[in-house]
Amino acid sequence: MITAGNKSLAGIFILLSVSLLVSCSGPGGDARLRNVFRYNEAANITSVDPAYARDQAVIWPVNQVFNGLVQMDDHLEILPCIADSWDIRTDGLEYRFHLRTDVYFHNDPAFHFLKERHVTADDFIYSFKRILNPATASSGTWIFDCVARSDSNPAFSSPDDSTLVIMLKKPFPPFLSMLASPYASVVPEEAVKKYGDGFGRHPVGTGPFMFKYWKEGVKLVLVKNPGYFETEGLARLPFLDAVSISFLADKQSAFLEFATGKLDFLSGLDPAYKDELLTKQGRLQPKYQKSVEMLTQPYLNTEYLGFLLDQETANGNPNPLCDKRVRQAINLAFDRYKMIKYLRNNIGSPGINGIIPKGLPSFDSARVYYSFDIGRARKLLAEAGYPGGKGMPAVTLVSTPDYLDFCKHIQQQLSGLGMEMKIEISTPAAVKQMKAEARLSFFRASWIADYPDAENYLLMFRSQNFCPRGPNYTHYSNPEYDRLYELAMLEVDDSIRYCLYRKMEELLMQESPVVVLYYDQVLRFVRKGINGLGSNPMNMLVLKRVRINR
């Protein structure tokens, strides 16, 4: 029993216990204590609340603590999760989910010491309405934009505890995959009310791991949920005892921790260590091949340059970027293969096939829109009235510091056309704000898929989505494009819908509101002995099947 007089001693004991659990993981330690998966999050995190799972830093721990109705496998196929089956009405307007009856929230004082708090359909209704509540200020409200509403109430209903019905206002084929988003996770009303604004720092979910310990800016520890509902064969998931997340801000320091065996996992490619870890051909350096395994595959992330099409003047001068021929010339004027080789160590694919990235079913490698052709680029520039770049005012590309090398590469390549391109570097927050306010005539950007459907990329160019209302940062507008978009959203046959997607992309590439730079790759470095991690085009981190043999 802990009394008022010995609370501080108890707190120290708990802290020491957790520290031992996550640090006694070297050779010779106890087998149970070695079963801890360790990774670093350089971006730090301030919340593990699904309502604020906007970026990867938050999404990864949220995925360990929470579950939704459905989930995705490594091939982006939709699989059951808390819903073990579902029915979609033929008109595409009604989704009826049948819930498992063996799913429970993590044990928590919010339930007044009730041993097992069963998950019901009403918990999902509460969770979804919480996302939509303006007071929550969630960035995930877009998931339910297609849901029907009556008297301002979303059309969610629960005929019984294990049945959830969602009504849409019109068919929207990607909706099921959107429900695999962390935003659509189930949360318990009791815990949200008990912890209030602190729920994100004391998360309570149904996932394979439970919240244990958090020291801000230092470490977050999640431990095994012994009552988790999913199994693999006869074994109950997860196989790990704990997940330890450190918050080293310096990526070089994090790499050294990984190289010396103090971290199990490293994600992505940073200039601080790319040449140390990879050869120019994109292979693991020989000295790491015995201790490290590299996992890679297409990533649903398209990197691009964008043009603001309705800004007819820039710095008081006519804006040459409003001329389609100038935009096409820029698309043709630089070698994407060389860029990938020297700036990315061959990690990624040249962006020659349009805005839809590799990894999506509607991606078409046979359609090549722009490859390096300096002769054609010069001809287009001359047709626009700027032969050899003469008479063309300088253009300014705005970017963040981490893409400066790409900007310089393009600057050097465009000088071969006689074009003068200036580079302006701003903070990510400033670029994001200016882009959302349509104050950038030429900018670098990227689009990471929120759900695995090409519609997620094509919506960026729909007329109704002009920023700041939506993500159409280029202000591209084409009535035929919009018409094809509406047709695609009514089409339940995937093959017909993909055909419509390709027609939209073809229109888009002809008008060239963007310069697609490259399609990214998921790149994961895992220490040997870590099994079951896997990889997927959404770069989701799934740890429930990971086993460790140190």
Protein backbone atom coordinates (compact mmCIF):
# COMPACT_ATOMS: atom_id res chain seq x y z
CA MET A 1 0.00 0.00 0.00
CA ILE A 2 1.36 3.45 -0.92
CA THR A 3 0.70 6.14 1.67
CA ALA A 4 1.20 9.91 1.35
CA GLY A 5 4.57 9.59 3.02
CA ASN A 6 6.09 7.10 0.63
CA LYS A 7 4.64 8.24 -2.74
CA SER A 8 7.96 9.78 -3.82
CA LEU A 9 9.82 6.52 -3.05
CA ALA A 10 7.22 4.58 -5.01
CA GLY A 11 7.65 6.95 -7.95
CA ILE A 12 11.41 6.43 -7.92
CA PHE A 13 10.92 2.66 -7.77
CA ILE A 14 8.59 2.73 -10.81
CA LEU A 15 11.02 4.95 -12.74
CA LEU A 16 13.94 2.65 -11.96
CA SER A 17 11.90 -0.42 -12.95
CA VAL A 18 11.01 1.05 -16.32
CA SER A 19 14.60 2.18 -16.88
CA LEU A 20 15.82 -1.35 -16.22
CA LEU A 21 13.20 -2.80 -18.55
CA VAL A 22 14.24 -0.63 -21.49
CA SER A 23 17.99 -0.56 -20.88
CA CYS A 24 18.92 -4.12 -19.80
CA SER A 25 18.75 -5.37 -23.34
CA GLY A 26 22.33 -6.21 -24.15
CA PRO A 27 23.88 -9.67 -24.50
CA GLY A 28 23.74 -11.62 -21.29
CA GLY A 29 20.63 -9.87 -19.96
CA ASP A 30 17.50 -11.72 -18.96
CA ALA A 31 15.55 -13.05 -21.99
CA ARG A 32 12.37 -11.27 -20.90
CA LEU A 33 14.18 -7.95 -20.57
CA ARG A 34 15.85 -8.34 -23.96
CA ASN A 35 12.46 -8.43 -25.67
CA VAL A 36 12.25 -4.63 -26.02
CA PHE A 37 12.06 -2.90 -29.41
CA ARG A 38 13.95 0.42 -29.39
CA TYR A 39 13.68 3.26 -31.89
CA ASN A 40 14.27 7.00 -31.93
CA GLU A 41 11.84 9.75 -32.90
CA ALA A 42 13.84 12.87 -33.76
CA ALA A 43 10.70 15.02 -34.14
CA ASN A 44 9.64 14.36 -30.53
CA ILE A 45 5.93 14.00 -29.84
CA THR A 46 3.55 15.79 -27.50
CA SER A 47 0.50 13.53 -27.77
CA VAL A 48 -0.51 9.91 -28.42
CA ASP A 49 -4.13 10.83 -29.11
CA PRO A 50 -5.62 9.50 -32.38
CA ALA A 51 -7.43 12.83 -32.83
CA TYR A 52 -4.07 14.47 -33.50
CA ALA A 53 -2.35 11.71 -35.49
CA ARG A 54 -1.39 14.10 -38.26
CA ASP A 55 2.23 13.14 -38.85
CA GLN A 56 4.36 10.03 -38.75
CA ALA A 57 5.91 10.84 -35.37
CA VAL A 58 2.46 10.57 -33.73
CA ILE A 59 0.96 7.93 -36.04
CA TRP A 60 3.55 5.31 -35.14
CA PRO A 61 2.89 5.16 -31.36
CA VAL A 62 -0.86 5.65 -31.92
CA ASN A 63 -0.82 2.50 -34.10
CA GLN A 64 0.63 0.53 -31.19
CA VAL A 65 -1.89 1.73 -28.58
CA PHE A 66 -5.14 1.92 -30.57
CA ASN A 67 -7.24 -0.04 -33.08
CA GLY A 68 -9.99 0.79 -35.53
CA LEU A 69 -12.71 -1.10 -37.36
CA VAL A 70 -10.32 -2.25 -40.11
CA GLN A 71 -6.60 -2.37 -40.78
CA MET A 72 -4.24 -2.67 -43.75
CA ASP A 73 -1.67 -5.37 -44.44
CA ASP A 74 1.72 -4.79 -46.09
CA HIS A 75 0.05 -4.96 -49.51
CA LEU A 76 -2.50 -2.27 -48.49
CA GLU A 77 -5.34 -4.78 -48.55
CA ILE A 78 -8.14 -3.96 -46.09
CA LEU A 79 -8.43 -6.60 -43.36
CA PRO A 80 -10.74 -7.03 -40.36
CA CYS A 81 -9.67 -5.59 -37.02
CA ILE A 82 -12.28 -4.80 -34.33
CA ALA A 83 -14.88 -5.33 -37.06
CA ASP A 84 -14.59 -8.98 -38.10
CA SER A 85 -16.86 -8.45 -41.13
CA TRP A 86 -18.86 -5.78 -42.94
CA ASP A 87 -21.49 -5.30 -45.64
CA ILE A 88 -21.63 -2.46 -48.16
CA ARG A 89 -25.01 -1.82 -49.73
CA THR A 90 -25.06 -2.03 -53.54
CA ASP A 91 -25.65 1.72 -53.87
CA GLY A 92 -22.48 2.36 -51.84
CA LEU A 93 -24.31 4.48 -49.25
CA GLU A 94 -24.58 2.11 -46.25
CA TYR A 95 -21.65 0.46 -44.44
CA ARG A 96 -22.66 -2.08 -41.79
CA PHE A 97 -19.86 -3.35 -39.51
CA HIS A 98 -20.13 -6.44 -37.31
CA LEU A 99 -17.85 -6.09 -34.28
CA ARG A 100 -15.89 -8.71 -32.40
CA THR A 101 -17.20 -9.36 -28.90
CA ASP A 102 -13.79 -10.12 -27.33
CA VAL A 103 -12.17 -6.66 -27.53
CA TYR A 104 -11.49 -4.70 -24.33
CA PHE A 105 -9.90 -1.37 -23.49
CA HIS A 106 -6.67 -1.39 -21.52
CA ASN A 107 -7.21 -1.61 -17.76
CA ASP A 108 -7.25 1.92 -16.36
CA PRO A 109 -8.51 3.78 -13.25
CA ALA A 110 -10.88 5.67 -15.58
CA PHE A 111 -13.07 2.56 -15.52
CA HIS A 112 -13.28 2.65 -11.70
CA PHE A 113 -11.23 -0.53 -11.48
CA LEU A 114 -13.60 -2.49 -13.69
CA LYS A 115 -11.41 -5.39 -14.83
CA GLU A 116 -12.76 -5.68 -18.37
CA ARG A 117 -14.28 -2.71 -20.21
CA HIS A 118 -15.85 -4.20 -23.35
CA VAL A 119 -15.78 -2.24 -26.65
CA THR A 120 -19.19 -1.59 -28.22
CA ALA A 121 -20.53 0.11 -31.33
CA ASP A 122 -21.45 3.13 -29.21
CA ASP A 123 -17.74 3.59 -28.40
CA PHE A 124 -17.06 4.04 -32.11
CA ILE A 125 -19.92 6.53 -32.42
CA TYR A 126 -18.47 8.51 -29.52
CA SER A 127 -14.97 8.38 -31.02
CA PHE A 128 -16.11 9.51 -34.48
CA LYS A 129 -18.25 12.35 -33.10
CA ARG A 130 -15.30 13.43 -30.96
CA ILE A 131 -13.20 13.80 -34.12
CA LEU A 132 -15.95 15.89 -35.72
CA ASN A 133 -16.52 18.06 -32.64
CA PRO A 134 -14.98 21.52 -33.30
CA ALA A 135 -13.92 21.65 -29.65
CA THR A 136 -11.56 18.72 -30.27
CA ALA A 137 -9.84 20.62 -33.09
CA SER A 138 -8.81 17.37 -34.74
CA SER A 139 -7.03 17.47 -38.08
CA GLY A 140 -8.88 14.26 -39.04
CA THR A 141 -12.36 15.63 -39.70
CA TRP A 142 -11.87 15.10 -43.45
CA ILE A 143 -12.33 11.34 -42.98
CA PHE A 144 -16.03 11.89 -42.33
CA ASP A 145 -16.68 14.57 -44.97
CA CYS A 146 -18.58 11.99 -47.03
CA VAL A 147 -20.81 10.87 -44.13
CA ALA A 148 -24.47 11.85 -44.36
CA ARG A 149 -25.79 14.32 -41.79
CA SER A 150 -29.28 14.98 -40.50
CA ASP A 151 -29.92 18.07 -38.35
CA SER A 152 -26.13 18.49 -38.09
CA ASN A 153 -25.76 14.97 -36.65
CA PRO A 154 -23.61 12.44 -38.51
CA ALA A 155 -25.42 9.31 -39.63
CA PHE A 156 -23.82 6.82 -37.23
CA SER A 157 -26.08 4.28 -35.53
CA SER A 158 -25.82 1.12 -33.41
CA PRO A 159 -28.73 -1.34 -33.79
CA ASP A 160 -27.01 -3.36 -31.05
CA ASP A 161 -23.70 -3.43 -29.16
CA SER A 162 -21.87 -5.33 -31.90
CA THR A 163 -23.31 -3.60 -34.99
CA LEU A 164 -22.25 -0.19 -36.30
CA VAL A 165 -23.95 1.47 -39.30
CA ILE A 166 -22.49 4.42 -41.19
CA MET A 167 -24.50 6.19 -43.90
CA LEU A 168 -22.80 8.23 -46.64
CA LYS A 169 -24.37 11.18 -48.45
CA LYS A 170 -23.00 9.87 -51.76
CA PRO A 171 -20.82 6.94 -52.82
CA PHE A 172 -17.13 7.33 -52.05
CA PRO A 173 -15.09 4.19 -52.94
CA PRO A 174 -11.99 5.05 -50.82
CA PHE A 175 -14.07 5.35 -47.61
CA LEU A 176 -13.32 1.86 -46.27
CA SER A 177 -9.56 2.38 -46.59
CA MET A 178 -9.90 5.75 -44.85
CA LEU A 179 -11.33 3.95 -41.81
CA ALA A 180 -7.92 2.26 -41.41
CA SER A 181 -6.50 5.69 -40.53
CA PRO A 182 -5.42 6.26 -36.91
CA TYR A 183 -8.00 9.07 -36.75
CA ALA A 184 -10.73 6.41 -36.88
CA SER A 185 -9.45 4.55 -33.80
CA VAL A 186 -11.81 3.78 -30.93
CA VAL A 187 -11.26 5.62 -27.64
CA PRO A 188 -13.13 5.24 -24.31
CA GLU A 189 -15.28 8.19 -23.26
CA GLU A 190 -14.49 7.58 -19.57
CA ALA A 191 -10.73 8.02 -20.10
CA VAL A 192 -11.14 11.09 -22.32
CA LYS A 193 -13.30 12.71 -19.63
CA LYS A 194 -11.00 11.68 -16.76
CA TYR A 195 -7.76 12.94 -18.34
CA GLY A 196 -9.20 15.80 -20.40
CA ASP A 197 -6.49 17.60 -22.33
CA GLY A 198 -4.02 15.13 -20.82
CA PHE A 199 -5.53 12.11 -22.61
CA GLY A 200 -2.81 12.31 -25.25
CA ARG A 201 -0.21 11.92 -22.49
CA HIS A 202 -2.12 9.09 -20.80
CA PRO A 203 -3.58 7.22 -23.78
CA VAL A 204 -6.03 4.36 -23.22
CA GLY A 205 -6.86 2.15 -26.20
CA THR A 206 -7.35 -1.45 -27.25
CA GLY A 207 -4.02 -1.98 -29.02
CA PRO A 208 -1.25 -4.55 -28.58
CA PHE A 209 0.72 -2.16 -26.34
CA MET A 210 -0.29 -0.04 -23.34
CA PHE A 211 1.05 3.24 -22.02
CA LYS A 212 3.60 2.80 -19.21
CA TYR A 213 6.00 5.74 -18.85
CA TRP A 214 6.74 9.09 -20.50
CA LYS A 215 9.51 11.56 -19.72
CA GLU A 216 9.09 14.48 -22.10
CA GLY A 217 11.95 14.92 -24.53
CA VAL A 218 13.65 11.77 -23.23
CA LYS A 219 11.66 8.54 -23.56
CA LEU A 220 8.22 7.01 -24.06
CA VAL A 221 7.65 3.40 -23.01
CA LEU A 222 4.79 1.15 -24.07
CA VAL A 223 4.37 -2.34 -22.59
CA LYS A 224 2.66 -5.51 -23.79
CA ASN A 225 -1.12 -5.73 -23.52
CA PRO A 226 -1.61 -9.24 -22.07
CA GLY A 227 -5.29 -9.26 -23.06
CA TYR A 228 -4.87 -8.27 -26.71
CA PHE A 229 -7.45 -9.91 -28.96
CA GLU A 230 -5.41 -10.79 -32.08
CA THR A 231 -3.47 -14.03 -32.46
CA GLU A 232 -1.00 -15.57 -34.88
CA GLY A 233 -1.72 -19.25 -35.09
CA LEU A 234 -2.20 -20.34 -31.49
CA ALA A 235 -0.02 -17.53 -30.09
CA ARG A 236 -1.53 -14.35 -28.71
CA LEU A 237 -0.02 -11.11 -30.03
CA PRO A 238 2.16 -9.16 -29.38
CA PHE A 239 5.45 -11.05 -28.99
CA LEU A 240 7.41 -8.07 -27.61
CA ASP A 241 7.44 -7.16 -23.93
CA ALA A 242 7.84 -3.43 -24.55
CA VAL A 243 8.54 -0.64 -27.03
CA SER A 244 10.99 2.08 -26.04
CA ILE A 245 10.94 5.35 -28.01
CA SER A 246 13.75 7.85 -27.41
CA PHE A 247 13.73 11.49 -28.55
CA LEU A 248 17.22 12.36 -29.74
CA ALA A 249 16.79 15.46 -31.90
CA ASP A 250 20.16 15.09 -33.63
CA LYS A 251 19.88 12.49 -36.40
CA GLN A 252 23.62 11.90 -36.47
CA SER A 253 23.52 10.99 -32.77
CA ALA A 254 20.57 8.66 -33.42
CA PHE A 255 22.50 6.99 -36.22
CA LEU A 256 25.47 6.40 -33.89
CA GLU A 257 23.10 4.83 -31.34
CA PHE A 258 21.83 2.52 -34.08
CA ALA A 259 25.32 1.71 -35.36
CA THR A 260 26.47 0.73 -31.86
CA GLY A 261 23.44 -1.50 -31.23
CA LYS A 262 21.57 0.78 -28.83
CA LEU A 263 18.65 1.18 -31.25
CA ASP A 264 17.00 -1.60 -33.27
CA PHE A 265 15.50 0.41 -36.10
CA LEU A 266 16.27 3.41 -38.30
CA SER A 267 13.83 4.84 -40.83
CA GLY A 268 14.51 7.00 -43.87
CA LEU A 269 17.59 8.51 -45.43
CA ASP A 270 19.15 11.62 -43.94
CA PRO A 271 22.08 13.54 -45.49
CA ALA A 272 23.85 13.26 -42.13
CA TYR A 273 24.51 9.55 -42.64
CA LYS A 274 23.36 8.52 -46.14
CA ASP A 275 26.89 8.03 -47.55
CA GLU A 276 28.06 6.27 -44.39
CA LEU A 277 25.22 3.75 -44.65
CA LEU A 278 24.65 3.41 -48.40
CA THR A 279 26.75 3.10 -51.53
CA LYS A 280 26.04 5.36 -54.52
CA GLN A 281 24.15 2.41 -56.02
CA GLY A 282 21.75 2.41 -53.06
CA ARG A 283 23.09 -0.74 -51.42
CA LEU A 284 24.11 -1.24 -47.82
CA GLN A 285 27.77 -0.47 -47.19
CA PRO A 286 29.76 -3.74 -46.73
CA LYS A 287 30.75 -2.98 -43.13
CA TYR A 288 27.09 -3.04 -42.04
CA GLN A 289 25.94 -6.08 -43.97
CA LYS A 290 26.62 -8.55 -41.14
CA SER A 291 24.71 -6.60 -38.49
CA VAL A 292 21.99 -4.71 -40.40
CA GLU A 293 19.20 -5.62 -42.79
CA MET A 294 17.82 -3.06 -45.25
CA LEU A 295 14.10 -3.16 -46.14
CA THR A 296 12.85 -1.04 -49.02
CA GLN A 297 9.84 -0.68 -51.31
CA PRO A 298 7.79 2.09 -52.99
CA TYR A 299 6.46 4.73 -50.61
CA LEU A 300 3.23 6.61 -51.28
CA ASN A 301 5.04 9.94 -51.27
CA THR A 302 5.40 12.14 -54.36
CA GLU A 303 7.93 14.99 -54.20
CA TYR A 304 7.21 17.85 -56.58
CA LEU A 305 7.56 21.53 -57.48
CA GLY A 306 4.31 23.49 -57.71
CA PHE A 307 3.29 26.57 -59.70
CA LEU A 308 0.55 28.98 -58.61
CA LEU A 309 -1.37 29.27 -61.87
CA ASP A 310 -3.50 32.35 -61.17
CA GLN A 311 -0.69 34.63 -60.00
CA GLU A 312 -0.16 36.56 -63.22
CA THR A 313 2.47 38.89 -61.80
CA ALA A 314 5.45 38.22 -59.55
CA ASN A 315 7.43 41.03 -57.95
CA GLY A 316 5.63 43.53 -60.19
CA ASN A 317 6.60 41.72 -63.41
CA PRO A 318 4.55 39.40 -65.64
CA ASN A 319 4.85 35.89 -64.26
CA PRO A 320 6.33 33.61 -66.97
CA LEU A 321 5.28 30.55 -64.97
CA CYS A 322 1.65 31.18 -65.93
CA ASP A 323 2.60 30.11 -69.47
CA LYS A 324 2.08 26.37 -69.90
CA ARG A 325 5.03 26.16 -72.31
CA VAL A 326 7.44 27.53 -69.70
CA ARG A 327 6.21 24.99 -67.15
CA GLN A 328 6.60 22.19 -69.70
CA ALA A 329 10.12 23.40 -70.51
CA ILE A 330 11.10 23.23 -66.81
CA ASN A 331 9.70 19.70 -66.68
CA LEU A 332 11.98 18.67 -69.55
CA ALA A 333 15.10 20.60 -68.58
CA PHE A 334 16.66 18.48 -65.83
CA ASP A 335 17.79 14.89 -65.52
CA ARG A 336 15.78 13.16 -62.80
CA TYR A 337 17.87 9.97 -63.03
CA LYS A 338 21.05 11.91 -62.28
CA MET A 339 19.29 13.70 -59.43
CA ILE A 340 18.23 10.41 -57.84
CA LYS A 341 21.69 8.87 -58.27
CA TYR A 342 23.75 11.67 -56.75
CA LEU A 343 21.36 13.25 -54.27
CA ARG A 344 19.44 10.18 -53.11
CA ASN A 345 21.96 7.35 -53.57
CA ASN A 346 19.47 5.76 -55.99
CA ILE A 347 16.75 5.63 -53.31
CA GLY A 348 13.50 6.55 -55.05
CA SER A 349 12.28 6.59 -58.66
CA PRO A 350 12.41 9.50 -61.16
CA GLY A 351 9.05 11.27 -61.36
CA ILE A 352 8.38 10.77 -65.06
CA ASN A 353 5.02 8.95 -64.85
CA GLY A 354 2.73 11.59 -63.37
CA ILE A 355 1.54 12.60 -59.90
CA ILE A 356 0.30 9.13 -58.83
CA PRO A 357 3.24 7.31 -57.19
CA LYS A 358 4.48 3.77 -57.46
CA GLY A 359 2.79 1.45 -54.98
CA LEU A 360 -0.79 2.28 -56.00
CA PRO A 361 -2.73 -0.07 -58.31
CA SER A 362 -3.55 2.75 -60.74
CA PHE A 363 0.13 3.69 -61.24
CA ASP A 364 1.07 3.14 -64.89
CA SER A 365 4.80 2.82 -65.63
CA ALA A 366 4.08 2.70 -69.38
CA ARG A 367 2.93 6.32 -69.38
CA VAL A 368 6.01 8.57 -69.51
CA TYR A 369 5.07 12.25 -69.50
CA TYR A 370 8.38 14.03 -68.96
CA SER A 371 11.92 12.77 -69.37
CA PHE A 372 15.09 14.78 -69.90
CA ASP A 373 14.96 16.53 -73.33
CA ILE A 374 16.86 19.82 -73.39
CA GLY A 375 16.23 20.35 -77.12
CA ARG A 376 12.46 20.20 -76.74
CA ALA A 377 12.69 22.39 -73.63
CA ARG A 378 14.54 25.12 -75.58
CA LYS A 379 11.96 24.95 -78.36
CA LEU A 380 9.07 25.40 -75.90
CA LEU A 381 10.81 28.32 -74.22
CA ALA A 382 11.30 30.00 -77.60
CA GLU A 383 7.64 29.46 -78.47
CA ALA A 384 6.74 31.19 -75.20
CA GLY A 385 8.72 34.24 -76.34
CA TYR A 386 11.92 33.61 -74.39
CA PRO A 387 14.49 32.20 -76.87
CA GLY A 388 17.51 31.11 -74.89
CA GLY A 389 15.85 32.63 -71.84
CA LYS A 390 16.18 36.16 -73.22
CA GLY A 391 13.69 38.63 -71.81
CA MET A 392 12.49 36.21 -69.17
CA PRO A 393 12.45 37.63 -65.63
CA ALA A 394 14.07 35.57 -62.87
CA VAL A 395 11.83 33.11 -61.03
CA THR A 396 12.13 32.30 -57.33
CA LEU A 397 11.75 28.78 -55.96
CA VAL A 398 10.81 28.64 -52.27
CA SER A 399 11.83 25.58 -50.27
CA THR A 400 12.84 24.30 -46.85
CA PRO A 401 16.52 23.81 -45.87
CA ASP A 402 16.50 20.01 -46.18
CA TYR A 403 15.81 20.25 -49.94
CA LEU A 404 18.43 22.88 -50.75
CA ASP A 405 20.60 20.39 -52.66
CA PHE A 406 17.65 19.50 -54.94
CA CYS A 407 16.93 23.18 -55.57
CA LYS A 408 20.56 23.85 -56.48
CA HIS A 409 20.56 20.89 -58.87
CA ILE A 410 17.48 22.24 -60.66
CA GLN A 411 18.91 25.77 -60.63
CA GLN A 412 22.06 24.56 -62.35
CA GLN A 413 20.09 22.53 -64.91
CA LEU A 414 17.74 25.43 -65.77
CA SER A 415 20.71 27.71 -66.37
CA GLY A 416 21.33 25.51 -69.43
CA LEU A 417 18.08 26.92 -70.80
CA GLY A 418 19.16 30.46 -70.07
CA MET A 419 16.67 30.66 -67.22
CA GLU A 420 17.63 32.45 -64.02
CA MET A 421 16.20 30.75 -60.95
CA LYS A 422 16.69 32.15 -57.47
CA ILE A 423 16.32 30.03 -54.33
CA GLU A 424 14.62 31.25 -51.19
CA ILE A 425 14.89 29.08 -48.07
CA SER A 426 12.35 29.35 -45.24
CA THR A 427 11.34 27.24 -42.27
CA PRO A 428 8.89 24.36 -42.86
CA ALA A 429 6.21 26.19 -40.87
CA ALA A 430 6.63 29.39 -42.91
CA VAL A 431 6.54 27.54 -46.25
CA LYS A 432 3.47 25.62 -45.17
CA GLN A 433 1.68 28.83 -44.15
CA MET A 434 2.57 30.73 -47.34
CA LYS A 435 1.60 27.78 -49.51
CA ALA A 436 -1.79 27.48 -47.76
CA GLU A 437 -2.40 31.20 -48.29
CA ALA A 438 -1.50 31.02 -52.02
CA ARG A 439 1.44 33.40 -51.60
CA LEU A 440 4.06 31.27 -53.41
CA SER A 441 4.28 31.35 -57.19
CA PHE A 442 6.90 28.54 -57.29
CA PHE A 443 7.45 26.14 -54.39
CA ARG A 444 8.72 22.69 -53.41
CA ALA A 445 6.24 20.34 -51.79
CA SER A 446 5.41 16.70 -51.21
CA TRP A 447 2.24 14.70 -50.82
CA ILE A 448 2.15 11.60 -48.62
CA ALA A 449 -0.98 9.51 -49.02
CA ASP A 450 -3.49 9.54 -46.16
CA TYR A 451 -5.14 6.44 -47.63
CA PRO A 452 -4.14 4.06 -50.45
CA ASP A 453 -6.17 5.37 -53.35
CA ALA A 454 -5.03 7.61 -56.22
CA GLU A 455 -7.98 9.90 -55.47
CA ASN A 456 -5.90 11.15 -52.54
CA TYR A 457 -3.45 12.68 -55.06
CA LEU A 458 -5.94 13.76 -57.70
CA LEU A 459 -8.07 15.72 -55.22
CA MET A 460 -5.17 18.20 -54.97
CA PHE A 461 -6.17 19.58 -58.38
CA ARG A 462 -9.93 19.69 -58.05
CA SER A 463 -11.36 23.20 -58.50
CA GLN A 464 -13.44 22.96 -55.31
CA ASN A 465 -10.27 22.37 -53.28
CA PHE A 466 -8.52 25.71 -53.84
CA CYS A 467 -6.38 26.59 -50.83
CA PRO A 468 -6.90 27.73 -48.16
CA ARG A 469 -10.15 25.74 -48.20
CA GLY A 470 -8.44 22.62 -49.56
CA PRO A 471 -5.08 21.23 -50.75
CA ASN A 472 -5.17 22.67 -54.31
CA TYR A 473 -2.09 24.83 -53.75
CA THR A 474 -1.56 25.41 -57.48
CA HIS A 475 -5.13 26.69 -58.08
CA TYR A 476 -5.36 24.40 -61.09
CA SER A 477 -8.86 24.51 -62.59
CA ASN A 478 -10.22 22.43 -65.45
CA PRO A 479 -13.96 21.65 -65.88
CA GLU A 480 -13.21 18.38 -67.72
CA TYR A 481 -10.90 17.27 -64.91
CA ASP A 482 -13.63 18.04 -62.35
CA ARG A 483 -16.21 16.14 -64.42
CA LEU A 484 -13.99 13.04 -64.60
CA TYR A 485 -13.37 13.28 -60.85
CA GLU A 486 -17.12 13.22 -60.13
CA LEU A 487 -17.59 10.24 -62.45
CA ALA A 488 -14.76 8.36 -60.73
CA MET A 489 -16.34 8.89 -57.30
CA LEU A 490 -19.56 7.28 -58.51
CA GLU A 491 -17.79 4.25 -59.95
CA VAL A 492 -17.59 1.14 -57.76
CA ASP A 493 -15.74 -0.93 -60.40
CA ASP A 494 -12.03 -0.44 -59.68
CA SER A 495 -10.86 -1.04 -63.26
CA ILE A 496 -13.23 1.59 -64.68
CA ARG A 497 -12.34 4.03 -61.90
CA TYR A 498 -8.61 3.57 -62.57
CA CYS A 499 -9.22 4.33 -66.25
CA LEU A 500 -10.87 7.61 -65.25
CA TYR A 501 -7.94 8.37 -62.93
CA ARG A 502 -5.50 7.98 -65.83
CA LYS A 503 -7.53 10.34 -68.02
CA MET A 504 -7.42 12.93 -65.23
CA GLU A 505 -3.68 12.51 -64.82
CA GLU A 506 -3.13 12.93 -68.55
CA LEU A 507 -5.01 16.26 -68.51
CA LEU A 508 -2.98 17.31 -65.50
CA MET A 509 0.39 16.52 -67.02
CA GLN A 510 -0.47 18.38 -70.23
CA GLU A 511 -1.19 21.54 -68.24
CA SER A 512 1.84 20.96 -65.95
CA PRO A 513 0.80 22.71 -62.73
CA VAL A 514 3.57 20.67 -61.10
CA VAL A 515 7.03 19.26 -61.81
CA VAL A 516 7.12 15.77 -60.35
CA LEU A 517 10.63 15.23 -58.97
CA TYR A 518 10.56 11.65 -57.69
CA TYR A 519 8.54 8.91 -56.04
CA ASP A 520 9.97 8.09 -52.65
CA GLN A 521 10.85 4.72 -51.18
CA VAL A 522 10.24 3.32 -47.74
CA LEU A 523 13.71 2.71 -46.38
CA ARG A 524 14.18 0.79 -43.15
CA PHE A 525 17.35 -0.38 -41.47
CA VAL A 526 16.83 -3.12 -38.90
CA ARG A 527 19.40 -4.86 -36.74
CA LYS A 528 19.82 -8.56 -37.48
CA GLY A 529 17.75 -10.66 -35.10
CA ILE A 530 14.67 -8.43 -35.44
CA ASN A 531 12.06 -10.51 -37.25
CA GLY A 532 8.48 -9.84 -38.35
CA LEU A 533 8.77 -6.07 -38.83
CA GLY A 534 7.82 -5.97 -42.49
CA SER A 535 7.36 -2.90 -44.66
CA ASN A 536 4.50 -1.26 -46.55
CA PRO A 537 3.92 1.63 -49.00
CA MET A 538 2.21 3.75 -46.31
CA ASN A 539 5.29 3.44 -44.07
CA MET A 540 3.13 2.27 -41.17
CA LEU A 541 5.01 0.84 -38.21
CA VAL A 542 3.43 -2.44 -37.09
CA LEU A 543 5.18 -4.01 -34.10
CA LYS A 544 2.67 -6.59 -32.87
CA ARG A 545 4.31 -9.44 -34.85
CA VAL A 546 7.94 -8.48 -34.17
CA ARG A 547 10.16 -11.07 -32.48
CA ILE A 548 13.67 -10.41 -31.20
CA ASN A 549 16.58 -12.82 -31.09
CA ARG A 550 19.57 -10.80 -29.93
